[in-house]
Amino acid sequence: MRILLTICLFFTAATIGFAQSNKMIEKANLKVEKLNNLIISENPEFALTEDQKMQIQKLHIQKFIDVRKINKSDASEEEKKAQKKQIYKKVNAIIRKEILTKDQKVARRTAIKKLKGK
Protein backbone atom coordinates (compact mmCIF):
# COMPACT_ATOMS: atom_id res chain seq x y z
CA MET A 1 0.00 0.00 0.00
CA ARG A 2 2.82 2.41 0.85
CA ILE A 3 4.54 1.61 -2.41
CA LEU A 4 1.37 2.43 -4.34
CA LEU A 5 1.00 5.72 -2.47
CA THR A 6 4.64 6.59 -3.11
CA ILE A 7 4.26 5.87 -6.82
CA CYS A 8 1.13 8.05 -7.01
CA LEU A 9 2.88 10.93 -5.26
CA PHE A 10 5.86 10.61 -7.58
CA PHE A 11 3.70 10.79 -10.71
CA THR A 12 1.75 13.72 -9.32
CA ALA A 13 4.96 15.64 -8.61
CA ALA A 14 6.35 14.77 -12.04
CA THR A 15 3.17 15.96 -13.75
CA ILE A 16 3.18 19.27 -11.88
CA GLY A 17 6.86 19.83 -12.70
CA PHE A 18 6.30 19.02 -16.36
CA ALA A 19 3.36 21.45 -16.57
CA GLN A 20 5.45 24.24 -15.06
CA SER A 21 8.32 23.60 -17.45
CA ASN A 22 5.88 23.70 -20.39
CA LYS A 23 4.65 27.06 -19.18
CA MET A 24 8.22 28.37 -19.05
CA ILE A 25 8.90 27.07 -22.55
CA GLU A 26 5.78 28.79 -23.85
CA LYS A 27 6.75 32.08 -22.20
CA ALA A 28 10.29 31.79 -23.58
CA ASN A 29 8.93 31.10 -27.07
CA LEU A 30 6.75 34.22 -26.83
CA LYS A 31 9.84 36.29 -25.95
CA VAL A 32 11.74 34.80 -28.90
CA GLU A 33 8.87 35.46 -31.32
CA LYS A 34 8.50 39.03 -30.04
CA LEU A 35 12.19 39.68 -30.75
CA ASN A 36 11.99 37.98 -34.13
CA ASN A 37 8.91 40.00 -35.11
CA LEU A 38 10.68 43.18 -34.06
CA ILE A 39 13.64 42.35 -36.30
CA ILE A 40 11.45 41.19 -39.19
CA SER A 41 9.47 44.43 -39.06
CA GLU A 42 12.57 46.20 -40.32
CA ASN A 43 13.87 43.59 -42.74
CA PRO A 44 12.56 40.01 -43.18
CA GLU A 45 15.99 38.89 -44.39
CA PHE A 46 17.40 39.33 -40.89
CA ALA A 47 15.01 36.89 -39.20
CA LEU A 48 16.43 34.77 -36.39
CA THR A 49 17.81 31.38 -37.35
CA GLU A 50 16.58 28.23 -35.61
CA ASP A 51 19.88 28.01 -33.74
CA GLN A 52 19.54 31.59 -32.51
CA LYS A 53 15.95 30.93 -31.44
CA MET A 54 17.03 27.91 -29.40
CA GLN A 55 19.87 29.82 -27.74
CA ILE A 56 17.58 32.71 -26.81
CA GLN A 57 14.89 30.32 -25.58
CA LYS A 58 17.39 28.57 -23.29
CA LEU A 59 18.55 31.92 -21.92
CA HIS A 60 15.00 33.00 -21.13
CA ILE A 61 14.17 29.69 -19.44
CA GLN A 62 17.27 30.01 -17.27
CA LYS A 63 16.26 33.61 -16.52
CA PHE A 64 12.80 32.46 -15.39
CA ILE A 65 14.36 29.83 -13.12
CA ASP A 66 16.78 32.36 -11.61
CA VAL A 67 14.01 34.91 -11.04
CA ARG A 68 11.86 32.26 -9.38
CA LYS A 69 14.73 31.45 -7.00
CA ILE A 70 15.10 35.14 -6.16
CA ASN A 71 11.38 35.50 -5.52
CA LYS A 72 11.50 32.56 -3.10
CA SER A 73 14.52 33.95 -1.24
CA ASP A 74 14.36 35.77 2.08
CA ALA A 75 15.89 38.97 0.68
CA SER A 76 14.14 42.31 0.99
CA GLU A 77 12.00 43.56 -1.87
CA GLU A 78 14.67 46.11 -2.87
CA GLU A 79 17.36 43.42 -2.94
CA LYS A 80 15.13 41.12 -4.99
CA LYS A 81 14.41 43.93 -7.45
CA ALA A 82 18.13 44.70 -7.80
CA GLN A 83 19.01 41.02 -8.30
CA LYS A 84 16.31 40.57 -10.94
CA LYS A 85 17.49 43.72 -12.74
CA GLN A 86 21.00 42.25 -12.88
CA ILE A 87 19.67 39.04 -14.40
CA TYR A 88 17.62 40.92 -17.02
CA LYS A 89 20.63 43.06 -17.99
CA LYS A 90 22.88 40.01 -18.23
CA VAL A 91 20.47 38.06 -20.44
CA ASN A 92 19.82 41.04 -22.73
CA ALA A 93 23.57 41.71 -23.01
CA ILE A 94 24.24 38.10 -24.01
CA ILE A 95 21.50 38.23 -26.63
CA ARG A 96 22.76 41.52 -28.06
CA LYS A 97 26.49 40.81 -27.94
CA GLU A 98 26.80 37.07 -28.52
CA ILE A 99 23.74 35.83 -30.39
CA LEU A 100 22.45 38.55 -32.74
CA THR A 101 24.34 39.45 -35.89
CA LYS A 102 25.31 43.04 -36.64
CA ASP A 103 22.42 43.44 -39.10
CA GLN A 104 19.94 41.99 -36.61
CA LYS A 105 21.16 44.40 -33.93
CA VAL A 106 20.67 47.37 -36.24
CA ALA A 107 17.19 46.17 -37.27
CA ARG A 108 16.20 45.64 -33.64
CA ARG A 109 17.49 49.04 -32.57
CA THR A 110 15.72 50.79 -35.47
CA ALA A 111 12.42 49.03 -34.74
CA ILE A 112 12.62 49.98 -31.07
CA LYS A 113 13.27 53.61 -31.97
CA LYS A 114 10.25 53.61 -34.26
CA LEU A 115 8.06 52.12 -31.54
CA LYS A 116 9.22 54.70 -28.99
CA GLY A 117 8.66 57.48 -31.53
CA LYS A 118 4.98 56.63 -31.83
C-alpha atoms as a PDB file:
ATOM      1  CA  MET A   1       0.000   0.000   0.000  1.00  0.00           C
ATOM      2  CA  ARG A   2       2.824   2.408   0.847  1.00  0.00           C
ATOM      3  CA  ILE A   3       4.537   1.615  -2.413  1.00  0.00           C
ATOM      4  CA  LEU A   4       1.372   2.428  -4.342  1.00  0.00           C
ATOM      5  CA  LEU A   5       0.996   5.715  -2.471  1.00  0.00           C
ATOM      6  CA  THR A   6       4.637   6.586  -3.114  1.00  0.00           C
ATOM      7  CA  ILE A   7       4.256   5.872  -6.824  1.00  0.00           C
ATOM      8  CA  CYS A   8       1.131   8.046  -7.010  1.00  0.00           C
ATOM      9  CA  LEU A   9       2.876  10.928  -5.260  1.00  0.00           C
ATOM     10  CA  PHE A  10       5.862  10.609  -7.585  1.00  0.00           C
ATOM     11  CA  PHE A  11       3.704  10.794 -10.714  1.00  0.00           C
ATOM     12  CA  THR A  12       1.752  13.724  -9.317  1.00  0.00           C
ATOM     13  CA  ALA A  13       4.964  15.644  -8.610  1.00  0.00           C
ATOM     14  CA  ALA A  14       6.354  14.774 -12.043  1.00  0.00           C
ATOM     15  CA  THR A  15       3.166  15.964 -13.754  1.00  0.00           C
ATOM     16  CA  ILE A  16       3.180  19.273 -11.885  1.00  0.00           C
ATOM     17  CA  GLY A  17       6.861  19.830 -12.700  1.00  0.00           C
ATOM     18  CA  PHE A  18       6.296  19.025 -16.355  1.00  0.00           C
ATOM     19  CA  ALA A  19       3.359  21.446 -16.571  1.00  0.00           C
ATOM     20  CA  GLN A  20       5.448  24.242 -15.057  1.00  0.00           C
ATOM     21  CA  SER A  21       8.318  23.599 -17.454  1.00  0.00           C
ATOM     22  CA  ASN A  22       5.881  23.696 -20.388  1.00  0.00           C
ATOM     23  CA  LYS A  23       4.650  27.059 -19.177  1.00  0.00           C
ATOM     24  CA  MET A  24       8.224  28.368 -19.050  1.00  0.00           C
ATOM     25  CA  ILE A  25       8.905  27.070 -22.550  1.00  0.00           C
ATOM     26  CA  GLU A  26       5.777  28.790 -23.853  1.00  0.00           C
ATOM     27  CA  LYS A  27       6.755  32.077 -22.201  1.00  0.00           C
ATOM     28  CA  ALA A  28      10.293  31.794 -23.575  1.00  0.00           C
ATOM     29  CA  ASN A  29       8.926  31.103 -27.070  1.00  0.00           C
ATOM     30  CA  LEU A  30       6.750  34.216 -26.827  1.00  0.00           C
ATOM     31  CA  LYS A  31       9.836  36.287 -25.946  1.00  0.00           C
ATOM     32  CA  VAL A  32      11.736  34.802 -28.900  1.00  0.00           C
ATOM     33  CA  GLU A  33       8.873  35.461 -31.317  1.00  0.00           C
ATOM     34  CA  LYS A  34       8.501  39.028 -30.044  1.00  0.00           C
ATOM     35  CA  LEU A  35      12.188  39.684 -30.747  1.00  0.00           C
ATOM     36  CA  ASN A  36      11.987  37.979 -34.131  1.00  0.00           C
ATOM     37  CA  ASN A  37       8.913  39.998 -35.113  1.00  0.00           C
ATOM     38  CA  LEU A  38      10.683  43.179 -34.055  1.00  0.00           C
ATOM     39  CA  ILE A  39      13.642  42.353 -36.295  1.00  0.00           C
ATOM     40  CA  ILE A  40      11.451  41.186 -39.195  1.00  0.00           C
ATOM     41  CA  SER A  41       9.466  44.429 -39.062  1.00  0.00           C
ATOM     42  CA  GLU A  42      12.571  46.197 -40.317  1.00  0.00           C
ATOM     43  CA  ASN A  43      13.867  43.588 -42.743  1.00  0.00           C
ATOM     44  CA  PRO A  44      12.557  40.014 -43.181  1.00  0.00           C
ATOM     45  CA  GLU A  45      15.990  38.893 -44.394  1.00  0.00           C
ATOM     46  CA  PHE A  46      17.398  39.329 -40.888  1.00  0.00           C
ATOM     47  CA  ALA A  47      15.007  36.886 -39.198  1.00  0.00           C
ATOM     48  CA  LEU A  48      16.426  34.773 -36.388  1.00  0.00           C
ATOM     49  CA  THR A  49      17.807  31.377 -37.350  1.00  0.00           C
ATOM     50  CA  GLU A  50      16.578  28.231 -35.607  1.00  0.00           C
ATOM     51  CA  ASP A  51      19.877  28.007 -33.737  1.00  0.00           C
ATOM     52  CA  GLN A  52      19.536  31.594 -32.511  1.00  0.00           C
ATOM     53  CA  LYS A  53      15.948  30.928 -31.435  1.00  0.00           C
ATOM     54  CA  MET A  54      17.028  27.905 -29.395  1.00  0.00           C
ATOM     55  CA  GLN A  55      19.874  29.822 -27.740  1.00  0.00           C
ATOM     56  CA  ILE A  56      17.578  32.708 -26.805  1.00  0.00           C
ATOM     57  CA  GLN A  57      14.885  30.324 -25.581  1.00  0.00           C
ATOM     58  CA  LYS A  58      17.387  28.568 -23.293  1.00  0.00           C
ATOM     59  CA  LEU A  59      18.548  31.920 -21.916  1.00  0.00           C
ATOM     60  CA  HIS A  60      14.999  32.995 -21.132  1.00  0.00           C
ATOM     61  CA  ILE A  61      14.169  29.687 -19.445  1.00  0.00           C
ATOM     62  CA  GLN A  62      17.265  30.008 -17.267  1.00  0.00           C
ATOM     63  CA  LYS A  63      16.256  33.612 -16.523  1.00  0.00           C
ATOM     64  CA  PHE A  64      12.804  32.457 -15.394  1.00  0.00           C
ATOM     65  CA  ILE A  65      14.365  29.834 -13.125  1.00  0.00           C
ATOM     66  CA  ASP A  66      16.779  32.357 -11.611  1.00  0.00           C
ATOM     67  CA  VAL A  67      14.009  34.911 -11.039  1.00  0.00           C
ATOM     68  CA  ARG A  68      11.859  32.257  -9.380  1.00  0.00           C
ATOM     69  CA  LYS A  69      14.732  31.451  -7.003  1.00  0.00           C
ATOM     70  CA  ILE A  70      15.101  35.138  -6.161  1.00  0.00           C
ATOM     71  CA  ASN A  71      11.378  35.504  -5.517  1.00  0.00           C
ATOM     72  CA  LYS A  72      11.498  32.565  -3.099  1.00  0.00           C
ATOM     73  CA  SER A  73      14.522  33.947  -1.235  1.00  0.00           C
ATOM     74  CA  ASP A  74      14.355  35.769   2.079  1.00  0.00           C
ATOM     75  CA  ALA A  75      15.894  38.967   0.680  1.00  0.00           C
ATOM     76  CA  SER A  76      14.142  42.305   0.995  1.00  0.00           C
ATOM     77  CA  GLU A  77      11.998  43.564  -1.874  1.00  0.00           C
ATOM     78  CA  GLU A  78      14.674  46.106  -2.866  1.00  0.00           C
ATOM     79  CA  GLU A  79      17.356  43.418  -2.939  1.00  0.00           C
ATOM     80  CA  LYS A  80      15.126  41.120  -4.992  1.00  0.00           C
ATOM     81  CA  LYS A  81      14.413  43.934  -7.446  1.00  0.00           C
ATOM     82  CA  ALA A  82      18.134  44.705  -7.798  1.00  0.00           C
ATOM     83  CA  GLN A  83      19.015  41.023  -8.295  1.00  0.00           C
ATOM     84  CA  LYS A  84      16.315  40.574 -10.945  1.00  0.00           C
ATOM     85  CA  LYS A  85      17.486  43.717 -12.735  1.00  0.00           C
ATOM     86  CA  GLN A  86      21.001  42.250 -12.876  1.00  0.00           C
ATOM     87  CA  ILE A  87      19.667  39.040 -14.402  1.00  0.00           C
ATOM     88  CA  TYR A  88      17.615  40.919 -17.022  1.00  0.00           C
ATOM     89  CA  LYS A  89      20.627  43.059 -17.990  1.00  0.00           C
ATOM     90  CA  LYS A  90      22.876  40.008 -18.225  1.00  0.00           C
ATOM     91  CA  VAL A  91      20.466  38.064 -20.443  1.00  0.00           C
ATOM     92  CA  ASN A  92      19.825  41.038 -22.730  1.00  0.00           C
ATOM     93  CA  ALA A  93      23.567  41.711 -23.011  1.00  0.00           C
ATOM     94  CA  ILE A  94      24.240  38.101 -24.006  1.00  0.00           C
ATOM     95  CA  ILE A  95      21.504  38.235 -26.633  1.00  0.00           C
ATOM     96  CA  ARG A  96      22.759  41.524 -28.060  1.00  0.00           C
ATOM     97  CA  LYS A  97      26.494  40.815 -27.937  1.00  0.00           C
ATOM     98  CA  GLU A  98      26.796  37.074 -28.523  1.00  0.00           C
ATOM     99  CA  ILE A  99      23.741  35.833 -30.394  1.00  0.00           C
ATOM    100  CA  LEU A 100      22.448  38.548 -32.737  1.00  0.00           C
ATOM    101  CA  THR A 101      24.343  39.450 -35.894  1.00  0.00           C
ATOM    102  CA  LYS A 102      25.306  43.040 -36.638  1.00  0.00           C
ATOM    103  CA  ASP A 103      22.423  43.442 -39.104  1.00  0.00           C
ATOM    104  CA  GLN A 104      19.940  41.994 -36.607  1.00  0.00           C
ATOM    105  CA  LYS A 105      21.157  44.403 -33.926  1.00  0.00           C
ATOM    106  CA  VAL A 106      20.669  47.368 -36.241  1.00  0.00           C
ATOM    107  CA  ALA A 107      17.188  46.173 -37.273  1.00  0.00           C
ATOM    108  CA  ARG A 108      16.200  45.643 -33.637  1.00  0.00           C
ATOM    109  CA  ARG A 109      17.485  49.038 -32.571  1.00  0.00           C
ATOM    110  CA  THR A 110      15.718  50.789 -35.474  1.00  0.00           C
ATOM    111  CA  ALA A 111      12.416  49.032 -34.743  1.00  0.00           C
ATOM    112  CA  ILE A 112      12.618  49.981 -31.072  1.00  0.00           C
ATOM    113  CA  LYS A 113      13.272  53.614 -31.969  1.00  0.00           C
ATOM    114  CA  LYS A 114      10.251  53.613 -34.262  1.00  0.00           C
ATOM    115  CA  LEU A 115       8.063  52.123 -31.537  1.00  0.00           C
ATOM    116  CA  LYS A 116       9.216  54.696 -28.987  1.00  0.00           C
ATOM    117  CA  GLY A 117       8.656  57.479 -31.530  1.00  0.00           C
ATOM    118  CA  LYS A 118       4.978  56.627 -31.829  1.00  0.00           C
END
